[in-house]
């Protein structure tokens, strides 16, 4: 998965922020509201292979006793559905990957 993430991301400096990177990998939420209920869903566009690698990382974190699992369970305790909590975890992982790749590119 690391090779897919690094290879599909390319030069991370082309993304000015973590939000731009999230949009590229499909983890940036888009609004899908109807009426008074505010809803968001994942962007169906973006790099699907990169998105799948982040999904696999999220599933692995949920399965094991990690900080990602604690984050996922906390989101569910806040009233989020499983899908919403998974979306939030994938975005957290995307942001962490962006920060690490950017740090590596600077050195």
PDB file of N, CA and C in Angstrom:
ATOM      1  N   UNK A   1       0.815  -1.192   0.000  1.00  0.00           N
ATOM      2  CA  UNK A   1       0.000   0.000   0.000  1.00  0.00           C
ATOM      3  C   UNK A   1       0.864   1.263   0.000  1.00  0.00           C
ATOM      4  N   UNK A   2       1.979   1.205   0.699  1.00  0.00           N
ATOM      5  CA  UNK A   2       2.854   2.379   0.745  1.00  0.00           C
ATOM      6  C   UNK A   2       3.360   2.728  -0.649  1.00  0.00           C
ATOM      7  N   UNK A   3       3.700   1.715  -1.438  1.00  0.00           N
ATOM      8  CA  UNK A   3       4.192   1.961  -2.793  1.00  0.00           C
ATOM      9  C   UNK A   3       3.099   2.599  -3.657  1.00  0.00           C
ATOM     10  N   UNK A   4       1.877   2.156  -3.487  1.00  0.00           N
ATOM     11  CA  UNK A   4       0.759   2.741  -4.243  1.00  0.00           C
ATOM     12  C   UNK A   4       0.570   4.197  -3.829  1.00  0.00           C
ATOM     13  N   UNK A   5       0.603   4.450  -2.526  1.00  0.00           N
ATOM     14  CA  UNK A   5       0.406   5.817  -2.040  1.00  0.00           C
ATOM     15  C   UNK A   5       1.501   6.742  -2.559  1.00  0.00           C
ATOM     16  N   UNK A   6       2.749   6.305  -2.452  1.00  0.00           N
ATOM     17  CA  UNK A   6       3.864   7.140  -2.911  1.00  0.00           C
ATOM     18  C   UNK A   6       3.831   7.312  -4.430  1.00  0.00           C
ATOM     19  N   UNK A   7       3.612   6.220  -5.133  1.00  0.00           N
ATOM     20  CA  UNK A   7       3.614   6.271  -6.596  1.00  0.00           C
ATOM     21  C   UNK A   7       2.471   7.070  -7.172  1.00  0.00           C
ATOM     22  N   UNK A   8       1.266   6.881  -6.630  1.00  0.00           N
ATOM     23  CA  UNK A   8       0.097   7.581  -7.163  1.00  0.00           C
ATOM     24  C   UNK A   8       0.065   9.048  -6.743  1.00  0.00           C
ATOM     25  N   UNK A   9       0.712   9.384  -5.620  1.00  0.00           N
ATOM     26  CA  UNK A   9       0.730  10.777  -5.161  1.00  0.00           C
ATOM     27  C   UNK A   9       1.679  11.622  -5.992  1.00  0.00           C
ATOM     28  N   UNK A  10       2.773  11.037  -6.439  1.00  0.00           N
ATOM     29  CA  UNK A  10       3.743  11.789  -7.227  1.00  0.00           C
ATOM     30  C   UNK A  10       4.424  12.844  -6.374  1.00  0.00           C
ATOM     31  N   UNK A  11       4.782  13.954  -6.993  1.00  0.00           N
ATOM     32  CA  UNK A  11       5.430  15.046  -6.268  1.00  0.00           C
ATOM     33  C   UNK A  11       4.384  15.754  -5.416  1.00  0.00           C
ATOM     34  N   UNK A  12       4.479  15.573  -4.124  1.00  0.00           N
ATOM     35  CA  UNK A  12       3.474  16.104  -3.202  1.00  0.00           C
ATOM     36  C   UNK A  12       3.452  17.628  -3.187  1.00  0.00           C
ATOM     37  N   UNK A  13       4.547  18.254  -3.600  1.00  0.00           N
ATOM     38  CA  UNK A  13       4.602  19.718  -3.583  1.00  0.00           C
ATOM     39  C   UNK A  13       3.657  20.357  -4.596  1.00  0.00           C
ATOM     40  N   UNK A  14       3.086  19.567  -5.478  1.00  0.00           N
ATOM     41  CA  UNK A  14       2.120  20.133  -6.432  1.00  0.00           C
ATOM     42  C   UNK A  14       0.775  20.426  -5.778  1.00  0.00           C
ATOM     43  N   UNK A  15       0.575  19.917  -4.546  1.00  0.00           N
ATOM     44  CA  UNK A  15      -0.660  20.183  -3.807  1.00  0.00           C
ATOM     45  C   UNK A  15      -0.375  21.254  -2.764  1.00  0.00           C
ATOM     46  N   UNK A  16      -1.002  22.430  -2.871  1.00  0.00           N
ATOM     47  CA  UNK A  16      -0.690  23.513  -1.939  1.00  0.00           C
ATOM     48  C   UNK A  16      -1.171  23.265  -0.510  1.00  0.00           C
ATOM     49  N   UNK A  17      -2.137  22.359  -0.314  1.00  0.00           N
ATOM     50  CA  UNK A  17      -2.636  22.104   1.037  1.00  0.00           C
ATOM     51  C   UNK A  17      -3.130  20.662   1.146  1.00  0.00           C
ATOM     52  N   UNK A  18      -3.404  20.265   2.383  1.00  0.00           N
ATOM     53  CA  UNK A  18      -3.931  18.918   2.623  1.00  0.00           C
ATOM     54  C   UNK A  18      -5.320  18.762   1.994  1.00  0.00           C
ATOM     55  N   UNK A  19      -6.068  19.855   1.924  1.00  0.00           N
ATOM     56  CA  UNK A  19      -7.389  19.812   1.288  1.00  0.00           C
ATOM     57  C   UNK A  19      -7.304  19.517  -0.199  1.00  0.00           C
ATOM     58  N   UNK A  20      -6.312  20.090  -0.850  1.00  0.00           N
ATOM     59  CA  UNK A  20      -6.124  19.812  -2.275  1.00  0.00           C
ATOM     60  C   UNK A  20      -5.735  18.353  -2.489  1.00  0.00           C
ATOM     61  N   UNK A  21      -4.886  17.846  -1.604  1.00  0.00           N
ATOM     62  CA  UNK A  21      -4.490  16.439  -1.698  1.00  0.00           C
ATOM     63  C   UNK A  21      -5.691  15.526  -1.448  1.00  0.00           C
ATOM     64  N   UNK A  22      -6.535  15.886  -0.475  1.00  0.00           N
ATOM     65  CA  UNK A  22      -7.731  15.092  -0.184  1.00  0.00           C
ATOM     66  C   UNK A  22      -8.687  15.086  -1.380  1.00  0.00           C
ATOM     67  N   UNK A  23      -8.783  16.193  -2.047  1.00  0.00           N
ATOM     68  CA  UNK A  23      -9.630  16.260  -3.244  1.00  0.00           C
ATOM     69  C   UNK A  23      -9.067  15.353  -4.340  1.00  0.00           C
ATOM     70  N   UNK A  24      -7.744  15.320  -4.462  1.00  0.00           N
ATOM     71  CA  UNK A  24      -7.099  14.475  -5.465  1.00  0.00           C
ATOM     72  C   UNK A  24      -7.325  12.993  -5.180  1.00  0.00           C
ATOM     73  N   UNK A  25      -7.258  12.603  -3.907  1.00  0.00           N
ATOM     74  CA  UNK A  25      -7.408  11.182  -3.597  1.00  0.00           C
ATOM     75  C   UNK A  25      -8.844  10.775  -3.278  1.00  0.00           C
ATOM     76  N   UNK A  26      -9.774  11.694  -3.350  1.00  0.00           N
ATOM     77  CA  UNK A  26     -11.185  11.359  -3.198  1.00  0.00           C
ATOM     78  C   UNK A  26     -11.660  11.254  -1.765  1.00  0.00           C
ATOM     79  N   UNK A  27     -10.927  11.803  -0.801  1.00  0.00           N
ATOM     80  CA  UNK A  27     -11.373  11.748   0.590  1.00  0.00           C
ATOM     81  C   UNK A  27     -11.951  13.072   1.075  1.00  0.00           C
ATOM     82  N   UNK A  28     -12.010  14.072   0.212  1.00  0.00           N
ATOM     83  CA  UNK A  28     -12.625  15.346   0.589  1.00  0.00           C
ATOM     84  C   UNK A  28     -14.141  15.198   0.473  1.00  0.00           C
ATOM     85  N   UNK A  29     -14.867  15.493   1.542  1.00  0.00           N
ATOM     86  CA  UNK A  29     -16.324  15.332   1.475  1.00  0.00           C
ATOM     87  C   UNK A  29     -16.963  16.411   0.605  1.00  0.00           C
ATOM     88  N   UNK A  30     -18.034  16.019  -0.062  1.00  0.00           N
ATOM     89  CA  UNK A  30     -18.835  16.981  -0.809  1.00  0.00           C
ATOM     90  C   UNK A  30     -20.233  16.959  -0.218  1.00  0.00           C
ATOM     91  N   UNK A  31     -20.891  18.077  -0.285  1.00  0.00           N
ATOM     92  CA  UNK A  31     -22.208  18.184   0.323  1.00  0.00           C
ATOM     93  C   UNK A  31     -23.241  17.429  -0.500  1.00  0.00           C
ATOM     94  N   UNK A  32     -24.094  16.691   0.197  1.00  0.00           N
ATOM     95  CA  UNK A  32     -25.181  15.949  -0.441  1.00  0.00           C
ATOM     96  C   UNK A  32     -26.443  16.142   0.391  1.00  0.00           C
ATOM     97  N   UNK A  33     -26.696  17.380   0.775  1.00  0.00           N
ATOM     98  CA  UNK A  33     -27.807  17.687   1.668  1.00  0.00           C
ATOM     99  C   UNK A  33     -29.122  17.731   0.905  1.00  0.00           C
ATOM    100  N   UNK A  34     -30.159  17.432   1.650  1.00  0.00           N
ATOM    101  CA  UNK A  34     -31.502  17.528   1.105  1.00  0.00           C
ATOM    102  C   UNK A  34     -32.406  18.005   2.226  1.00  0.00           C
ATOM    103  N   UNK A  35     -33.010  19.151   2.040  1.00  0.00           N
ATOM    104  CA  UNK A  35     -33.860  19.692   3.084  1.00  0.00           C
ATOM    105  C   UNK A  35     -33.039  20.178   4.268  1.00  0.00           C
ATOM    106  N   UNK A  36     -33.579  20.034   5.473  1.00  0.00           N
ATOM    107  CA  UNK A  36     -32.877  20.563   6.649  1.00  0.00           C
ATOM    108  C   UNK A  36     -31.712  19.678   7.124  1.00  0.00           C
ATOM    109  N   UNK A  37     -31.648  18.452   6.659  1.00  0.00           N
ATOM    110  CA  UNK A  37     -30.586  17.531   7.095  1.00  0.00           C
ATOM    111  C   UNK A  37     -29.316  17.765   6.287  1.00  0.00           C
ATOM    112  N   UNK A  38     -28.238  18.159   6.969  1.00  0.00           N
ATOM    113  CA  UNK A  38     -26.961  18.392   6.297  1.00  0.00           C
ATOM    114  C   UNK A  38     -26.200  17.070   6.216  1.00  0.00           C
ATOM    115  N   UNK A  39     -25.883  16.651   5.010  1.00  0.00           N
ATOM    116  CA  UNK A  39     -25.162  15.404   4.803  1.00  0.00           C
ATOM    117  C   UNK A  39     -23.964  15.662   3.902  1.00  0.00           C
ATOM    118  N   UNK A  40     -22.970  14.802   4.048  1.00  0.00           N
ATOM    119  CA  UNK A  40     -21.798  14.845   3.189  1.00  0.00           C
ATOM    120  C   UNK A  40     -21.502  13.431   2.728  1.00  0.00           C
ATOM    121  N   UNK A  41     -20.859  13.339   1.605  1.00  0.00           N
ATOM    122  CA  UNK A  41     -20.426  12.033   1.111  1.00  0.00           C
ATOM    123  C   UNK A  41     -19.053  12.210   0.483  1.00  0.00           C
ATOM    124  N   UNK A  42     -18.402  11.087   0.202  1.00  0.00           N
ATOM    125  CA  UNK A  42     -17.088  11.160  -0.408  1.00  0.00           C
ATOM    126  C   UNK A  42     -17.197  11.529  -1.873  1.00  0.00           C
ATOM    127  N   UNK A  43     -16.199  12.197  -2.333  1.00  0.00           N
ATOM    128  CA  UNK A  43     -16.125  12.592  -3.722  1.00  0.00           C
ATOM    129  C   UNK A  43     -15.894  11.342  -4.583  1.00  0.00           C
ATOM    130  N   UNK A  44     -16.764  11.048  -5.556  1.00  0.00           N
ATOM    131  CA  UNK A  44     -16.567   9.859  -6.389  1.00  0.00           C
ATOM    132  C   UNK A  44     -15.433  10.023  -7.401  1.00  0.00           C
ATOM    133  N   UNK A  45     -14.939  11.237  -7.539  1.00  0.00           N
ATOM    134  CA  UNK A  45     -13.835  11.476  -8.454  1.00  0.00           C
ATOM    135  C   UNK A  45     -12.514  11.290  -7.716  1.00  0.00           C
ATOM    136  N   UNK A  46     -11.470  11.616  -8.359  1.00  0.00           N
ATOM    137  CA  UNK A  46     -10.165  11.480  -7.724  1.00  0.00           C
ATOM    138  C   UNK A  46      -9.507  10.172  -8.129  1.00  0.00           C
ATOM    139  N   UNK A  47      -8.338   9.957  -7.606  1.00  0.00           N
ATOM    140  CA  UNK A  47      -7.548   8.773  -7.920  1.00  0.00           C
ATOM    141  C   UNK A  47      -8.105   7.588  -7.131  1.00  0.00           C
ATOM    142  N   UNK A  48      -8.761   6.672  -7.816  1.00  0.00           N
ATOM    143  CA  UNK A  48      -9.446   5.563  -7.146  1.00  0.00           C
ATOM    144  C   UNK A  48      -8.461   4.572  -6.541  1.00  0.00           C
ATOM    145  N   UNK A  49      -7.310   4.363  -7.162  1.00  0.00           N
ATOM    146  CA  UNK A  49      -6.320   3.441  -6.591  1.00  0.00           C
ATOM    147  C   UNK A  49      -5.743   4.015  -5.299  1.00  0.00           C
ATOM    148  N   UNK A  50      -5.494   5.293  -5.289  1.00  0.00           N
ATOM    149  CA  UNK A  50      -4.998   5.957  -4.085  1.00  0.00           C
ATOM    150  C   UNK A  50      -6.065   5.918  -2.996  1.00  0.00           C
ATOM    151  N   UNK A  51      -7.306   6.144  -3.370  1.00  0.00           N
ATOM    152  CA  UNK A  51      -8.404   6.091  -2.420  1.00  0.00           C
ATOM    153  C   UNK A  51      -8.529   4.692  -1.819  1.00  0.00           C
ATOM    154  N   UNK A  52      -8.360   3.668  -2.637  1.00  0.00           N
ATOM    155  CA  UNK A  52      -8.446   2.292  -2.146  1.00  0.00           C
ATOM    156  C   UNK A  52      -7.314   1.988  -1.162  1.00  0.00           C
ATOM    157  N   UNK A  53      -6.135   2.502  -1.413  1.00  0.00           N
ATOM    158  CA  UNK A  53      -5.016   2.296  -0.496  1.00  0.00           C
ATOM    159  C   UNK A  53      -5.311   2.953   0.858  1.00  0.00           C
ATOM    160  N   UNK A  54      -5.902   4.138   0.845  1.00  0.00           N
ATOM    161  CA  UNK A  54      -6.268   4.812   2.091  1.00  0.00           C
ATOM    162  C   UNK A  54      -7.391   4.061   2.804  1.00  0.00           C
ATOM    163  N   UNK A  55      -8.317   3.501   2.042  1.00  0.00           N
ATOM    164  CA  UNK A  55      -9.393   2.692   2.615  1.00  0.00           C
ATOM    165  C   UNK A  55      -8.816   1.462   3.311  1.00  0.00           C
ATOM    166  N   UNK A  56      -7.858   0.808   2.671  1.00  0.00           N
ATOM    167  CA  UNK A  56      -7.224  -0.362   3.269  1.00  0.00           C
ATOM    168  C   UNK A  56      -6.512   0.010   4.561  1.00  0.00           C
ATOM    169  N   UNK A  57      -5.850   1.157   4.574  1.00  0.00           N
ATOM    170  CA  UNK A  57      -5.193   1.627   5.796  1.00  0.00           C
ATOM    171  C   UNK A  57      -6.224   1.888   6.891  1.00  0.00           C
ATOM    172  N   UNK A  58      -7.360   2.459   6.530  1.00  0.00           N
ATOM    173  CA  UNK A  58      -8.410   2.743   7.509  1.00  0.00           C
ATOM    174  C   UNK A  58      -8.991   1.451   8.081  1.00  0.00           C
ATOM    175  N   UNK A  59      -9.258   0.483   7.221  1.00  0.00           N
ATOM    176  CA  UNK A  59      -9.799  -0.801   7.680  1.00  0.00           C
ATOM    177  C   UNK A  59      -8.813  -1.479   8.630  1.00  0.00           C
ATOM    178  N   UNK A  60      -7.533  -1.427   8.305  1.00  0.00           N
ATOM    179  CA  UNK A  60      -6.510  -2.034   9.155  1.00  0.00           C
ATOM    180  C   UNK A  60      -6.463  -1.340  10.511  1.00  0.00           C
ATOM    181  N   UNK A  61      -6.592  -0.024  10.530  1.00  0.00           N
ATOM    182  CA  UNK A  61      -6.581   0.689  11.807  1.00  0.00           C
ATOM    183  C   UNK A  61      -7.814   0.369  12.640  1.00  0.00           C
ATOM    184  N   UNK A  62      -8.961   0.225  12.004  1.00  0.00           N
ATOM    185  CA  UNK A  62     -10.186  -0.090  12.742  1.00  0.00           C
ATOM    186  C   UNK A  62     -10.117  -1.498  13.320  1.00  0.00           C
ATOM    187  N   UNK A  63      -9.530  -2.404  12.581  1.00  0.00           N
ATOM    188  CA  UNK A  63      -9.460  -3.801  13.004  1.00  0.00           C
ATOM    189  C   UNK A  63      -8.550  -3.996  14.215  1.00  0.00           C
ATOM    190  N   UNK A  64      -7.512  -3.188  14.329  1.00  0.00           N
ATOM    191  CA  UNK A  64      -6.537  -3.321  15.408  1.00  0.00           C
ATOM    192  C   UNK A  64      -6.723  -2.212  16.438  1.00  0.00           C
ATOM    193  N   UNK A  65      -6.097  -2.383  17.578  1.00  0.00           N
ATOM    194  CA  UNK A  65      -6.205  -1.406  18.654  1.00  0.00           C
ATOM    195  C   UNK A  65      -5.212  -0.272  18.406  1.00  0.00           C
ATOM    196  N   UNK A  66      -5.635   0.728  17.637  1.00  0.00           N
ATOM    197  CA  UNK A  66      -4.779   1.853  17.264  1.00  0.00           C
ATOM    198  C   UNK A  66      -5.489   3.159  17.583  1.00  0.00           C
ATOM    199  N   UNK A  67      -4.789   4.248  17.402  1.00  0.00           N
ATOM    200  CA  UNK A  67      -5.416   5.555  17.597  1.00  0.00           C
ATOM    201  C   UNK A  67      -6.495   5.797  16.537  1.00  0.00           C
ATOM    202  N   UNK A  68      -6.338   5.184  15.354  1.00  0.00           N
ATOM    203  CA  UNK A  68      -7.358   5.285  14.318  1.00  0.00           C
ATOM    204  C   UNK A  68      -8.660   4.630  14.745  1.00  0.00           C
ATOM    205  N   UNK A  69      -8.565   3.502  15.414  1.00  0.00           N
ATOM    206  CA  UNK A  69      -9.763   2.830  15.923  1.00  0.00           C
ATOM    207  C   UNK A  69     -10.446   3.698  16.976  1.00  0.00           C
ATOM    208  N   UNK A  70      -9.647   4.292  17.870  1.00  0.00           N
ATOM    209  CA  UNK A  70     -10.209   5.165  18.899  1.00  0.00           C
ATOM    210  C   UNK A  70     -10.922   6.354  18.258  1.00  0.00           C
ATOM    211  N   UNK A  71     -10.316   6.929  17.215  1.00  0.00           N
ATOM    212  CA  UNK A  71     -10.932   8.045  16.494  1.00  0.00           C
ATOM    213  C   UNK A  71     -12.258   7.606  15.857  1.00  0.00           C
ATOM    214  N   UNK A  72     -12.251   6.445  15.213  1.00  0.00           N
ATOM    215  CA  UNK A  72     -13.441   5.897  14.563  1.00  0.00           C
ATOM    216  C   UNK A  72     -14.563   5.681  15.588  1.00  0.00           C
ATOM    217  N   UNK A  73     -14.243   5.074  16.713  1.00  0.00           N
ATOM    218  CA  UNK A  73     -15.241   4.821  17.751  1.00  0.00           C
ATOM    219  C   UNK A  73     -15.742   6.123  18.362  1.00  0.00           C
ATOM    220  N   UNK A  74     -14.843   7.116  18.504  1.00  0.00           N
ATOM    221  CA  UNK A  74     -15.257   8.410  19.032  1.00  0.00           C
ATOM    222  C   UNK A  74     -16.245   9.091  18.094  1.00  0.00           C
ATOM    223  N   UNK A  75     -16.000   8.993  16.796  1.00  0.00           N
ATOM    224  CA  UNK A  75     -16.925   9.580  15.821  1.00  0.00           C
ATOM    225  C   UNK A  75     -18.286   8.894  15.878  1.00  0.00           C
ATOM    226  N   UNK A  76     -18.287   7.575  16.066  1.00  0.00           N
ATOM    227  CA  UNK A  76     -19.560   6.868  16.189  1.00  0.00           C
ATOM    228  C   UNK A  76     -20.283   7.277  17.471  1.00  0.00           C
ATOM    229  N   UNK A  77     -19.538   7.490  18.550  1.00  0.00           N
ATOM    230  CA  UNK A  77     -20.143   7.926  19.808  1.00  0.00           C
ATOM    231  C   UNK A  77     -20.744   9.326  19.673  1.00  0.00           C
ATOM    232  N   UNK A  78     -20.196  10.128  18.763  1.00  0.00           N
ATOM    233  CA  UNK A  78     -20.733  11.471  18.510  1.00  0.00           C
ATOM    234  C   UNK A  78     -22.016  11.426  17.686  1.00  0.00           C
ATOM    235  N   UNK A  79     -22.418  10.240  17.261  1.00  0.00           N
ATOM    236  CA  UNK A  79     -23.660  10.103  16.512  1.00  0.00           C
ATOM    237  C   UNK A  79     -23.473   9.900  15.023  1.00  0.00           C
ATOM    238  N   UNK A  80     -22.253   9.756  14.575  1.00  0.00           N
ATOM    239  CA  UNK A  80     -21.988   9.515  13.159  1.00  0.00           C
ATOM    240  C   UNK A  80     -22.310   8.065  12.815  1.00  0.00           C
ATOM    241  N   UNK A  81     -22.720   7.834  11.586  1.00  0.00           N
ATOM    242  CA  UNK A  81     -22.932   6.473  11.126  1.00  0.00           C
ATOM    243  C   UNK A  81     -21.578   5.822  10.846  1.00  0.00           C
ATOM    244  N   UNK A  82     -21.574   4.533  10.579  1.00  0.00           N
ATOM    245  CA  UNK A  82     -20.327   3.840  10.257  1.00  0.00           C
ATOM    246  C   UNK A  82     -19.656   4.447   9.034  1.00  0.00           C
ATOM    247  N   UNK A  83     -20.462   4.743   8.021  1.00  0.00           N
ATOM    248  CA  UNK A  83     -19.898   5.335   6.802  1.00  0.00           C
ATOM    249  C   UNK A  83     -19.317   6.717   7.065  1.00  0.00           C
ATOM    250  N   UNK A  84     -20.023   7.514   7.846  1.00  0.00           N
ATOM    251  CA  UNK A  84     -19.530   8.854   8.155  1.00  0.00           C
ATOM    252  C   UNK A  84     -18.243   8.793   8.977  1.00  0.00           C
ATOM    253  N   UNK A  85     -18.197   7.867   9.935  1.00  0.00           N
ATOM    254  CA  UNK A  85     -16.990   7.705  10.751  1.00  0.00           C
ATOM    255  C   UNK A  85     -15.828   7.208   9.894  1.00  0.00           C
ATOM    256  N   UNK A  86     -16.100   6.309   8.951  1.00  0.00           N
ATOM    257  CA  UNK A  86     -15.058   5.821   8.047  1.00  0.00           C
ATOM    258  C   UNK A  86     -14.544   6.954   7.163  1.00  0.00           C
ATOM    259  N   UNK A  87     -15.454   7.781   6.673  1.00  0.00           N
ATOM    260  CA  UNK A  87     -15.057   8.918   5.846  1.00  0.00           C
ATOM    261  C   UNK A  87     -14.148   9.858   6.628  1.00  0.00           C
ATOM    262  N   UNK A  88     -14.490  10.123   7.873  1.00  0.00           N
ATOM    263  CA  UNK A  88     -13.677  11.008   8.706  1.00  0.00           C
ATOM    264  C   UNK A  88     -12.298  10.399   8.965  1.00  0.00           C
ATOM    265  N   UNK A  89     -12.248   9.096   9.205  1.00  0.00           N
ATOM    266  CA  UNK A  89     -10.962   8.435   9.440  1.00  0.00           C
ATOM    267  C   UNK A  89     -10.097   8.460   8.187  1.00  0.00           C
ATOM    268  N   UNK A  90     -10.692   8.220   7.026  1.00  0.00           N
ATOM    269  CA  UNK A  90      -9.928   8.267   5.782  1.00  0.00           C
ATOM    270  C   UNK A  90      -9.353   9.661   5.553  1.00  0.00           C
ATOM    271  N   UNK A  91     -10.090  10.681   5.899  1.00  0.00           N
ATOM    272  CA  UNK A  91      -9.587  12.044   5.740  1.00  0.00           C
ATOM    273  C   UNK A  91      -8.430  12.292   6.697  1.00  0.00           C
ATOM    274  N   UNK A  92      -8.534  11.778   7.924  1.00  0.00           N
ATOM    275  CA  UNK A  92      -7.435  11.924   8.879  1.00  0.00           C
ATOM    276  C   UNK A  92      -6.177  11.238   8.364  1.00  0.00           C
ATOM    277  N   UNK A  93      -6.337  10.057   7.794  1.00  0.00           N
ATOM    278  CA  UNK A  93      -5.198   9.326   7.242  1.00  0.00           C
ATOM    279  C   UNK A  93      -4.619  10.087   6.052  1.00  0.00           C
ATOM    280  N   UNK A  94      -5.485  10.624   5.202  1.00  0.00           N
ATOM    281  CA  UNK A  94      -5.037  11.408   4.055  1.00  0.00           C
ATOM    282  C   UNK A  94      -4.211  12.604   4.511  1.00  0.00           C
ATOM    283  N   UNK A  95      -4.666  13.303   5.542  1.00  0.00           N
ATOM    284  CA  UNK A  95      -3.929  14.458   6.060  1.00  0.00           C
ATOM    285  C   UNK A  95      -2.572  14.037   6.628  1.00  0.00           C
ATOM    286  N   UNK A  96      -2.535  12.901   7.323  1.00  0.00           N
ATOM    287  CA  UNK A  96      -1.273  12.411   7.890  1.00  0.00           C
ATOM    288  C   UNK A  96      -0.298  12.018   6.781  1.00  0.00           C
ATOM    289  N   UNK A  97      -0.806  11.379   5.731  1.00  0.00           N
ATOM    290  CA  UNK A  97       0.039  11.006   4.593  1.00  0.00           C
ATOM    291  C   UNK A  97       0.582  12.256   3.922  1.00  0.00           C
ATOM    292  N   UNK A  98      -0.268  13.261   3.739  1.00  0.00           N
ATOM    293  CA  UNK A  98       0.167  14.515   3.124  1.00  0.00           C
ATOM    294  C   UNK A  98       1.295  15.156   3.925  1.00  0.00           C
ATOM    295  N   UNK A  99       1.104  15.249   5.252  1.00  0.00           N
ATOM    296  CA  UNK A  99       2.134  15.861   6.094  1.00  0.00           C
ATOM    297  C   UNK A  99       3.450  15.098   6.004  1.00  0.00           C
ATOM    298  N   UNK A 100       3.390  13.763   6.017  1.00  0.00           N
ATOM    299  CA  UNK A 100       4.602  12.965   5.974  1.00  0.00           C
ATOM    300  C   UNK A 100       5.299  13.086   4.624  1.00  0.00           C
ATOM    301  N   UNK A 101       4.547  13.017   3.541  1.00  0.00           N
ATOM    302  CA  UNK A 101       5.147  13.140   2.215  1.00  0.00           C
ATOM    303  C   UNK A 101       5.749  14.531   2.012  1.00  0.00           C
ATOM    304  N   UNK A 102       5.068  15.551   2.506  1.00  0.00           N
ATOM    305  CA  UNK A 102       5.588  16.913   2.396  1.00  0.00           C
ATOM    306  C   UNK A 102       6.874  17.070   3.211  1.00  0.00           C
ATOM    307  N   UNK A 103       6.886  16.492   4.406  1.00  0.00           N
ATOM    308  CA  UNK A 103       8.093  16.538   5.239  1.00  0.00           C
ATOM    309  C   UNK A 103       9.249  15.813   4.553  1.00  0.00           C
ATOM    310  N   UNK A 104       8.982  14.663   3.952  1.00  0.00           N
ATOM    311  CA  UNK A 104      10.020  13.908   3.247  1.00  0.00           C
ATOM    312  C   UNK A 104      10.527  14.675   2.021  1.00  0.00           C
ATOM    313  N   UNK A 105       9.629  15.374   1.330  1.00  0.00           N
ATOM    314  CA  UNK A 105      10.032  16.117   0.135  1.00  0.00           C
ATOM    315  C   UNK A 105      10.928  17.306   0.494  1.00  0.00           C
ATOM    316  N   UNK A 106      10.755  17.854   1.673  1.00  0.00           N
ATOM    317  CA  UNK A 106      11.556  19.008   2.101  1.00  0.00           C
ATOM    318  C   UNK A 106      12.982  18.596   2.455  1.00  0.00           C
ATOM    319  N   UNK A 107      13.178  17.330   2.820  1.00  0.00           N
ATOM    320  CA  UNK A 107      14.521  16.883   3.250  1.00  0.00           C
ATOM    321  C   UNK A 107      15.225  16.142   2.193  1.00  0.00           C
TER     322      UNK A 107
END
